Amino acid sequence: GPIALWAVSYNGEAVYRKGVSQDCPKGTSWVHVAAEQQFESISLGAGLRLWAVGRDGSAYFRNGITLNNPTGSAWFHVEPPPGGSPL
């Protein structure tokens, strides 16, 4: 089956690697996933839950990631606690 692979490019863009599988570990192409924020890091966890940390220190969640829609549908900004420090 497909393997989910995400990365942050040198200029802070979120990218998804299309076509990664056990039979094709290098995948076939990169897909840019548009966002209003530039990212520092990105992490894909259990249940296809994708989190990213913006260059401004804010957290972002990628909604709608499924096997049929591997890049998801929308970014959601997660507000830090009042008076809290950026991530």
PDB file of N, CA and C in Angstrom:
ATOM      1  N   GLY A   1       0.805  -1.196   0.000  1.00  0.00           N
ATOM      2  CA  GLY A   1       0.000   0.000   0.000  1.00  0.00           C
ATOM      3  C   GLY A   1       0.845   1.255   0.000  1.00  0.00           C
ATOM      4  N   PRO A   2       0.214   2.395  -0.128  1.00  0.00           N
ATOM      5  CA  PRO A   2       0.944   3.661  -0.155  1.00  0.00           C
ATOM      6  C   PRO A   2       1.556   4.001   1.201  1.00  0.00           C
ATOM      7  N   ILE A   3       2.656   4.730   1.166  1.00  0.00           N
ATOM      8  CA  ILE A   3       3.335   5.201   2.371  1.00  0.00           C
ATOM      9  C   ILE A   3       3.309   6.726   2.342  1.00  0.00           C
ATOM     10  N   ALA A   4       2.844   7.341   3.421  1.00  0.00           N
ATOM     11  CA  ALA A   4       2.756   8.803   3.488  1.00  0.00           C
ATOM     12  C   ALA A   4       4.119   9.391   3.835  1.00  0.00           C
ATOM     13  N   LEU A   5       4.584  10.321   3.010  1.00  0.00           N
ATOM     14  CA  LEU A   5       5.857  11.000   3.242  1.00  0.00           C
ATOM     15  C   LEU A   5       5.671  12.494   3.031  1.00  0.00           C
ATOM     16  N   TRP A   6       5.957  13.262   4.062  1.00  0.00           N
ATOM     17  CA  TRP A   6       5.866  14.721   4.019  1.00  0.00           C
ATOM     18  C   TRP A   6       7.218  15.304   4.386  1.00  0.00           C
ATOM     19  N   ALA A   7       7.483  16.522   3.926  1.00  0.00           N
ATOM     20  CA  ALA A   7       8.724  17.217   4.253  1.00  0.00           C
ATOM     21  C   ALA A   7       8.482  18.718   4.184  1.00  0.00           C
ATOM     22  N   VAL A   8       9.461  19.467   4.679  1.00  0.00           N
ATOM     23  CA  VAL A   8       9.463  20.919   4.543  1.00  0.00           C
ATOM     24  C   VAL A   8      10.627  21.269   3.629  1.00  0.00           C
ATOM     25  N   SER A   9      10.354  22.024   2.570  1.00  0.00           N
ATOM     26  CA  SER A   9      11.405  22.420   1.630  1.00  0.00           C
ATOM     27  C   SER A   9      12.294  23.497   2.259  1.00  0.00           C
ATOM     28  N   TYR A  10      13.412  23.786   1.619  1.00  0.00           N
ATOM     29  CA  TYR A  10      14.361  24.773   2.137  1.00  0.00           C
ATOM     30  C   TYR A  10      13.724  26.150   2.330  1.00  0.00           C
ATOM     31  N   ASN A  11      12.684  26.457   1.541  1.00  0.00           N
ATOM     32  CA  ASN A  11      12.030  27.764   1.659  1.00  0.00           C
ATOM     33  C   ASN A  11      10.758  27.717   2.511  1.00  0.00           C
ATOM     34  N   GLY A  12      10.561  26.635   3.274  1.00  0.00           N
ATOM     35  CA  GLY A  12       9.469  26.563   4.236  1.00  0.00           C
ATOM     36  C   GLY A  12       8.146  26.045   3.711  1.00  0.00           C
ATOM     37  N   GLU A  13       8.125  25.514   2.491  1.00  0.00           N
ATOM     38  CA  GLU A  13       6.879  24.984   1.931  1.00  0.00           C
ATOM     39  C   GLU A  13       6.668  23.531   2.349  1.00  0.00           C
ATOM     40  N   ALA A  14       5.410  23.176   2.624  1.00  0.00           N
ATOM     41  CA  ALA A  14       5.054  21.787   2.906  1.00  0.00           C
ATOM     42  C   ALA A  14       4.954  21.044   1.577  1.00  0.00           C
ATOM     43  N   VAL A  15       5.581  19.872   1.516  1.00  0.00           N
ATOM     44  CA  VAL A  15       5.533  19.058   0.304  1.00  0.00           C
ATOM     45  C   VAL A  15       5.216  17.614   0.664  1.00  0.00           C
ATOM     46  N   TYR A  16       4.484  16.957  -0.214  1.00  0.00           N
ATOM     47  CA  TYR A  16       4.085  15.557  -0.060  1.00  0.00           C
ATOM     48  C   TYR A  16       4.739  14.765  -1.185  1.00  0.00           C
ATOM     49  N   ARG A  17       5.303  13.604  -0.862  1.00  0.00           N
ATOM     50  CA  ARG A  17       5.924  12.755  -1.879  1.00  0.00           C
ATOM     51  C   ARG A  17       4.896  11.754  -2.382  1.00  0.00           C
ATOM     52  N   LYS A  18       4.548  11.872  -3.646  1.00  0.00           N
ATOM     53  CA  LYS A  18       3.541  11.024  -4.288  1.00  0.00           C
ATOM     54  C   LYS A  18       4.169   9.700  -4.730  1.00  0.00           C
ATOM     55  N   GLY A  19       3.390   8.627  -4.640  1.00  0.00           N
ATOM     56  CA  GLY A  19       3.792   7.341  -5.193  1.00  0.00           C
ATOM     57  C   GLY A  19       4.760   6.518  -4.373  1.00  0.00           C
ATOM     58  N   VAL A  20       4.958   6.843  -3.090  1.00  0.00           N
ATOM     59  CA  VAL A  20       5.875   6.073  -2.247  1.00  0.00           C
ATOM     60  C   VAL A  20       5.186   4.786  -1.798  1.00  0.00           C
ATOM     61  N   SER A  21       5.873   3.660  -1.986  1.00  0.00           N
ATOM     62  CA  SER A  21       5.372   2.352  -1.551  1.00  0.00           C
ATOM     63  C   SER A  21       6.569   1.445  -1.316  1.00  0.00           C
ATOM     64  N   GLN A  22       6.322   0.238  -0.825  1.00  0.00           N
ATOM     65  CA  GLN A  22       7.422  -0.709  -0.641  1.00  0.00           C
ATOM     66  C   GLN A  22       8.057  -1.062  -1.978  1.00  0.00           C
ATOM     67  N   ASP A  23       7.257  -1.103  -3.031  1.00  0.00           N
ATOM     68  CA  ASP A  23       7.778  -1.417  -4.362  1.00  0.00           C
ATOM     69  C   ASP A  23       8.479  -0.229  -5.014  1.00  0.00           C
ATOM     70  N   CYS A  24       8.155   0.982  -4.578  1.00  0.00           N
ATOM     71  CA  CYS A  24       8.737   2.203  -5.157  1.00  0.00           C
ATOM     72  C   CYS A  24       9.106   3.161  -4.016  1.00  0.00           C
ATOM     73  N   PRO A  25      10.167   2.842  -3.244  1.00  0.00           N
ATOM     74  CA  PRO A  25      10.478   3.637  -2.060  1.00  0.00           C
ATOM     75  C   PRO A  25      10.868   5.088  -2.349  1.00  0.00           C
ATOM     76  N   LYS A  26      11.326   5.386  -3.556  1.00  0.00           N
ATOM     77  CA  LYS A  26      11.689   6.780  -3.856  1.00  0.00           C
ATOM     78  C   LYS A  26      10.492   7.617  -4.290  1.00  0.00           C
ATOM     79  N   GLY A  27       9.344   6.993  -4.548  1.00  0.00           N
ATOM     80  CA  GLY A  27       8.167   7.731  -4.981  1.00  0.00           C
ATOM     81  C   GLY A  27       8.298   8.215  -6.409  1.00  0.00           C
ATOM     82  N   THR A  28       7.336   9.045  -6.832  1.00  0.00           N
ATOM     83  CA  THR A  28       7.321   9.488  -8.225  1.00  0.00           C
ATOM     84  C   THR A  28       7.463  10.991  -8.403  1.00  0.00           C
ATOM     85  N   SER A  29       6.951  11.793  -7.467  1.00  0.00           N
ATOM     86  CA  SER A  29       7.052  13.249  -7.618  1.00  0.00           C
ATOM     87  C   SER A  29       6.687  13.946  -6.313  1.00  0.00           C
ATOM     88  N   TRP A  30       7.124  15.202  -6.197  1.00  0.00           N
ATOM     89  CA  TRP A  30       6.759  16.033  -5.055  1.00  0.00           C
ATOM     90  C   TRP A  30       5.524  16.843  -5.397  1.00  0.00           C
ATOM     91  N   VAL A  31       4.624  16.986  -4.427  1.00  0.00           N
ATOM     92  CA  VAL A  31       3.415  17.789  -4.581  1.00  0.00           C
ATOM     93  C   VAL A  31       3.483  18.927  -3.562  1.00  0.00           C
ATOM     94  N   HIS A  32       3.455  20.165  -4.048  1.00  0.00           N
ATOM     95  CA  HIS A  32       3.433  21.325  -3.153  1.00  0.00           C
ATOM     96  C   HIS A  32       2.049  21.432  -2.524  1.00  0.00           C
ATOM     97  N   VAL A  33       1.995  21.603  -1.209  1.00  0.00           N
ATOM     98  CA  VAL A  33       0.728  21.752  -0.491  1.00  0.00           C
ATOM     99  C   VAL A  33       0.669  23.194   0.017  1.00  0.00           C
ATOM    100  N   ALA A  34      -0.139  23.994  -0.642  1.00  0.00           N
ATOM    101  CA  ALA A  34      -0.185  25.433  -0.377  1.00  0.00           C
ATOM    102  C   ALA A  34      -0.556  25.748   1.068  1.00  0.00           C
ATOM    103  N   ALA A  35       0.103  26.771   1.597  1.00  0.00           N
ATOM    104  CA  ALA A  35      -0.186  27.272   2.940  1.00  0.00           C
ATOM    105  C   ALA A  35       0.173  28.750   2.976  1.00  0.00           C
ATOM    106  N   GLU A  36      -0.504  29.495   3.833  1.00  0.00           N
ATOM    107  CA  GLU A  36      -0.186  30.912   3.984  1.00  0.00           C
ATOM    108  C   GLU A  36       1.052  31.115   4.850  1.00  0.00           C
ATOM    109  N   GLN A  37       1.462  30.079   5.557  1.00  0.00           N
ATOM    110  CA  GLN A  37       2.580  30.138   6.492  1.00  0.00           C
ATOM    111  C   GLN A  37       3.760  29.337   5.958  1.00  0.00           C
ATOM    112  N   GLN A  38       4.968  29.784   6.249  1.00  0.00           N
ATOM    113  CA  GLN A  38       6.154  28.973   5.992  1.00  0.00           C
ATOM    114  C   GLN A  38       6.404  28.131   7.239  1.00  0.00           C
ATOM    115  N   PHE A  39       6.872  26.908   7.026  1.00  0.00           N
ATOM    116  CA  PHE A  39       7.035  25.970   8.132  1.00  0.00           C
ATOM    117  C   PHE A  39       8.497  25.725   8.471  1.00  0.00           C
ATOM    118  N   GLU A  40       8.718  25.352   9.737  1.00  0.00           N
ATOM    119  CA  GLU A  40      10.030  24.931  10.231  1.00  0.00           C
ATOM    120  C   GLU A  40      10.132  23.415  10.256  1.00  0.00           C
ATOM    121  N   SER A  41       9.031  22.764  10.662  1.00  0.00           N
ATOM    122  CA  SER A  41       9.040  21.303  10.777  1.00  0.00           C
ATOM    123  C   SER A  41       7.640  20.768  10.542  1.00  0.00           C
ATOM    124  N   ILE A  42       7.606  19.454  10.276  1.00  0.00           N
ATOM    125  CA  ILE A  42       6.330  18.805   9.983  1.00  0.00           C
ATOM    126  C   ILE A  42       6.407  17.373  10.505  1.00  0.00           C
ATOM    127  N   SER A  43       5.284  16.842  10.990  1.00  0.00           N
ATOM    128  CA  SER A  43       5.267  15.494  11.552  1.00  0.00           C
ATOM    129  C   SER A  43       3.939  14.812  11.245  1.00  0.00           C
ATOM    130  N   LEU A  44       4.027  13.607  10.717  1.00  0.00           N
ATOM    131  CA  LEU A  44       2.839  12.808  10.430  1.00  0.00           C
ATOM    132  C   LEU A  44       2.772  11.682  11.446  1.00  0.00           C
ATOM    133  N   GLY A  45       1.676  11.636  12.197  1.00  0.00           N
ATOM    134  CA  GLY A  45       1.526  10.635  13.234  1.00  0.00           C
ATOM    135  C   GLY A  45       0.497   9.580  12.885  1.00  0.00           C
ATOM    136  N   ALA A  46       0.151   8.794  13.886  1.00  0.00           N
ATOM    137  CA  ALA A  46      -0.836   7.729  13.723  1.00  0.00           C
ATOM    138  C   ALA A  46      -2.151   8.308  13.220  1.00  0.00           C
ATOM    139  N   GLY A  47      -2.865   7.530  12.435  1.00  0.00           N
ATOM    140  CA  GLY A  47      -4.153   7.967  11.920  1.00  0.00           C
ATOM    141  C   GLY A  47      -4.056   9.079  10.899  1.00  0.00           C
ATOM    142  N   LEU A  48      -2.883   9.228  10.268  1.00  0.00           N
ATOM    143  CA  LEU A  48      -2.647  10.264   9.250  1.00  0.00           C
ATOM    144  C   LEU A  48      -2.882  11.672   9.796  1.00  0.00           C
ATOM    145  N   ARG A  49      -2.493  11.900  11.050  1.00  0.00           N
ATOM    146  CA  ARG A  49      -2.619  13.228  11.657  1.00  0.00           C
ATOM    147  C   ARG A  49      -1.329  14.007  11.400  1.00  0.00           C
ATOM    148  N   LEU A  50      -1.456  15.108  10.668  1.00  0.00           N
ATOM    149  CA  LEU A  50      -0.295  15.904  10.277  1.00  0.00           C
ATOM    150  C   LEU A  50      -0.259  17.211  11.057  1.00  0.00           C
ATOM    151  N   TRP A  51       0.877  17.470  11.698  1.00  0.00           N
ATOM    152  CA  TRP A  51       1.098  18.706  12.440  1.00  0.00           C
ATOM    153  C   TRP A  51       2.329  19.394  11.874  1.00  0.00           C
ATOM    154  N   ALA A  52       2.307  20.718  11.900  1.00  0.00           N
ATOM    155  CA  ALA A  52       3.457  21.490  11.444  1.00  0.00           C
ATOM    156  C   ALA A  52       3.691  22.643  12.408  1.00  0.00           C
ATOM    157  N   VAL A  53       4.950  23.082  12.478  1.00  0.00           N
ATOM    158  CA  VAL A  53       5.306  24.261  13.256  1.00  0.00           C
ATOM    159  C   VAL A  53       5.721  25.339  12.267  1.00  0.00           C
ATOM    160  N   GLY A  54       5.045  26.479  12.337  1.00  0.00           N
ATOM    161  CA  GLY A  54       5.351  27.587  11.447  1.00  0.00           C
ATOM    162  C   GLY A  54       6.617  28.309  11.865  1.00  0.00           C
ATOM    163  N   ARG A  55       7.191  29.057  10.940  1.00  0.00           N
ATOM    164  CA  ARG A  55       8.387  29.836  11.250  1.00  0.00           C
ATOM    165  C   ARG A  55       8.112  30.903  12.297  1.00  0.00           C
ATOM    166  N   ASP A  56       6.834  31.227  12.497  1.00  0.00           N
ATOM    167  CA  ASP A  56       6.465  32.189  13.539  1.00  0.00           C
ATOM    168  C   ASP A  56       6.253  31.511  14.894  1.00  0.00           C
ATOM    169  N   GLY A  57       6.466  30.183  14.966  1.00  0.00           N
ATOM    170  CA  GLY A  57       6.326  29.450  16.220  1.00  0.00           C
ATOM    171  C   GLY A  57       4.934  28.926  16.501  1.00  0.00           C
ATOM    172  N   SER A  58       3.995  29.116  15.584  1.00  0.00           N
ATOM    173  CA  SER A  58       2.623  28.631  15.765  1.00  0.00           C
ATOM    174  C   SER A  58       2.479  27.190  15.288  1.00  0.00           C
ATOM    175  N   ALA A  59       1.490  26.488  15.844  1.00  0.00           N
ATOM    176  CA  ALA A  59       1.190  25.119  15.424  1.00  0.00           C
ATOM    177  C   ALA A  59       0.084  25.135  14.372  1.00  0.00           C
ATOM    178  N   TYR A  60       0.159  24.175  13.452  1.00  0.00           N
ATOM    179  CA  TYR A  60      -0.839  24.029  12.390  1.00  0.00           C
ATOM    180  C   TYR A  60      -1.192  22.559  12.244  1.00  0.00           C
ATOM    181  N   PHE A  61      -2.475  22.293  11.992  1.00  0.00           N
ATOM    182  CA  PHE A  61      -2.979  20.937  11.775  1.00  0.00           C
ATOM    183  C   PHE A  61      -3.514  20.853  10.353  1.00  0.00           C
ATOM    184  N   ARG A  62      -3.191  19.773   9.644  1.00  0.00           N
ATOM    185  CA  ARG A  62      -3.711  19.571   8.288  1.00  0.00           C
ATOM    186  C   ARG A  62      -4.932  18.673   8.374  1.00  0.00           C
ATOM    187  N   ASN A  63      -6.083  19.193   7.982  1.00  0.00           N
ATOM    188  CA  ASN A  63      -7.350  18.471   8.057  1.00  0.00           C
ATOM    189  C   ASN A  63      -7.614  17.695   6.769  1.00  0.00           C
ATOM    190  N   GLY A  64      -8.356  16.595   6.893  1.00  0.00           N
ATOM    191  CA  GLY A  64      -8.879  15.888   5.729  1.00  0.00           C
ATOM    192  C   GLY A  64      -7.947  14.908   5.060  1.00  0.00           C
ATOM    193  N   ILE A  65      -6.829  14.544   5.691  1.00  0.00           N
ATOM    194  CA  ILE A  65      -5.920  13.577   5.074  1.00  0.00           C
ATOM    195  C   ILE A  65      -6.520  12.180   5.185  1.00  0.00           C
ATOM    196  N   THR A  66      -6.667  11.519   4.045  1.00  0.00           N
ATOM    197  CA  THR A  66      -7.157  10.140   3.973  1.00  0.00           C
ATOM    198  C   THR A  66      -6.334   9.410   2.923  1.00  0.00           C
ATOM    199  N   LEU A  67      -6.526   8.108   2.805  1.00  0.00           N
ATOM    200  CA  LEU A  67      -5.832   7.361   1.752  1.00  0.00           C
ATOM    201  C   LEU A  67      -6.246   7.846   0.370  1.00  0.00           C
ATOM    202  N   ASN A  68      -7.503   8.276   0.226  1.00  0.00           N
ATOM    203  CA  ASN A  68      -7.988   8.774  -1.064  1.00  0.00           C
ATOM    204  C   ASN A  68      -7.653  10.243  -1.304  1.00  0.00           C
ATOM    205  N   ASN A  69      -7.345  10.978  -0.244  1.00  0.00           N
ATOM    206  CA  ASN A  69      -6.993  12.399  -0.340  1.00  0.00           C
ATOM    207  C   ASN A  69      -5.724  12.627   0.492  1.00  0.00           C
ATOM    208  N   PRO A  70      -4.567  12.139   0.010  1.00  0.00           N
ATOM    209  CA  PRO A  70      -3.364  12.110   0.838  1.00  0.00           C
ATOM    210  C   PRO A  70      -2.776  13.471   1.198  1.00  0.00           C
ATOM    211  N   THR A  71      -3.174  14.540   0.506  1.00  0.00           N
ATOM    212  CA  THR A  71      -2.667  15.866   0.865  1.00  0.00           C
ATOM    213  C   THR A  71      -3.651  16.658   1.718  1.00  0.00           C
ATOM    214  N   GLY A  72      -4.810  16.083   2.018  1.00  0.00           N
ATOM    215  CA  GLY A  72      -5.769  16.745   2.880  1.00  0.00           C
ATOM    216  C   GLY A  72      -6.482  17.898   2.203  1.00  0.00           C
ATOM    217  N   SER A  73      -7.202  18.682   3.025  1.00  0.00           N
ATOM    218  CA  SER A  73      -8.044  19.728   2.450  1.00  0.00           C
ATOM    219  C   SER A  73      -7.793  21.132   2.992  1.00  0.00           C
ATOM    220  N   ALA A  74      -7.305  21.275   4.212  1.00  0.00           N
ATOM    221  CA  ALA A  74      -7.139  22.622   4.765  1.00  0.00           C
ATOM    222  C   ALA A  74      -6.165  22.623   5.941  1.00  0.00           C
ATOM    223  N   TRP A  75      -5.464  23.751   6.108  1.00  0.00           N
ATOM    224  CA  TRP A  75      -4.620  23.975   7.276  1.00  0.00           C
ATOM    225  C   TRP A  75      -5.438  24.704   8.337  1.00  0.00           C
ATOM    226  N   PHE A  76      -5.269  24.309   9.585  1.00  0.00           N
ATOM    227  CA  PHE A  76      -5.911  24.998  10.702  1.00  0.00           C
ATOM    228  C   PHE A  76      -4.839  25.494  11.662  1.00  0.00           C
ATOM    229  N   HIS A  77      -4.889  26.780  11.965  1.00  0.00           N
ATOM    230  CA  HIS A  77      -3.970  27.381  12.926  1.00  0.00           C
ATOM    231  C   HIS A  77      -4.449  27.035  14.330  1.00  0.00           C
ATOM    232  N   VAL A  78      -3.553  26.572  15.175  1.00  0.00           N
ATOM    233  CA  VAL A  78      -3.887  26.241  16.559  1.00  0.00           C
ATOM    234  C   VAL A  78      -3.313  27.342  17.443  1.00  0.00           C
ATOM    235  N   GLU A  79      -4.204  28.096  18.066  1.00  0.00           N
ATOM    236  CA  GLU A  79      -3.788  29.230  18.895  1.00  0.00           C
ATOM    237  C   GLU A  79      -2.968  28.754  20.094  1.00  0.00           C
ATOM    238  N   PRO A  80      -1.875  29.456  20.410  1.00  0.00           N
ATOM    239  CA  PRO A  80      -1.123  29.126  21.623  1.00  0.00           C
ATOM    240  C   PRO A  80      -1.898  29.597  22.850  1.00  0.00           C
ATOM    241  N   PRO A  81      -1.557  29.086  24.031  1.00  0.00           N
ATOM    242  CA  PRO A  81      -2.243  29.543  25.240  1.00  0.00           C
ATOM    243  C   PRO A  81      -1.953  31.026  25.482  1.00  0.00           C
ATOM    244  N   PRO A  82      -2.870  31.731  26.141  1.00  0.00           N
ATOM    245  CA  PRO A  82      -2.647  33.150  26.426  1.00  0.00           C
ATOM    246  C   PRO A  82      -1.339  33.350  27.190  1.00  0.00           C
ATOM    247  N   GLY A  83      -0.537  34.278  26.726  1.00  0.00           N
ATOM    248  CA  GLY A  83       0.737  34.554  27.385  1.00  0.00           C
ATOM    249  C   GLY A  83       1.771  33.473  27.173  1.00  0.00           C
ATOM    250  N   GLY A  84       1.432  32.470  26.357  1.00  0.00           N
ATOM    251  CA  GLY A  84       2.350  31.363  26.126  1.00  0.00           C
ATOM    252  C   GLY A  84       3.460  31.721  25.161  1.00  0.00           C
ATOM    253  N   SER A  85       4.471  30.909  25.178  1.00  0.00           N
ATOM    254  CA  SER A  85       5.598  31.089  24.272  1.00  0.00           C
ATOM    255  C   SER A  85       5.330  30.366  22.972  1.00  0.00           C
ATOM    256  N   PRO A  86       5.889  30.861  21.863  1.00  0.00           N
ATOM    257  CA  PRO A  86       5.757  30.123  20.609  1.00  0.00           C
ATOM    258  C   PRO A  86       6.469  28.777  20.707  1.00  0.00           C
ATOM    259  N   LEU A  87       6.074  27.847  19.857  1.00  0.00           N
ATOM    260  CA  LEU A  87       6.675  26.510  19.868  1.00  0.00           C
ATOM    261  C   LEU A  87       8.097  26.539  19.365  1.00  0.00           C
TER     262      LEU A  87
END
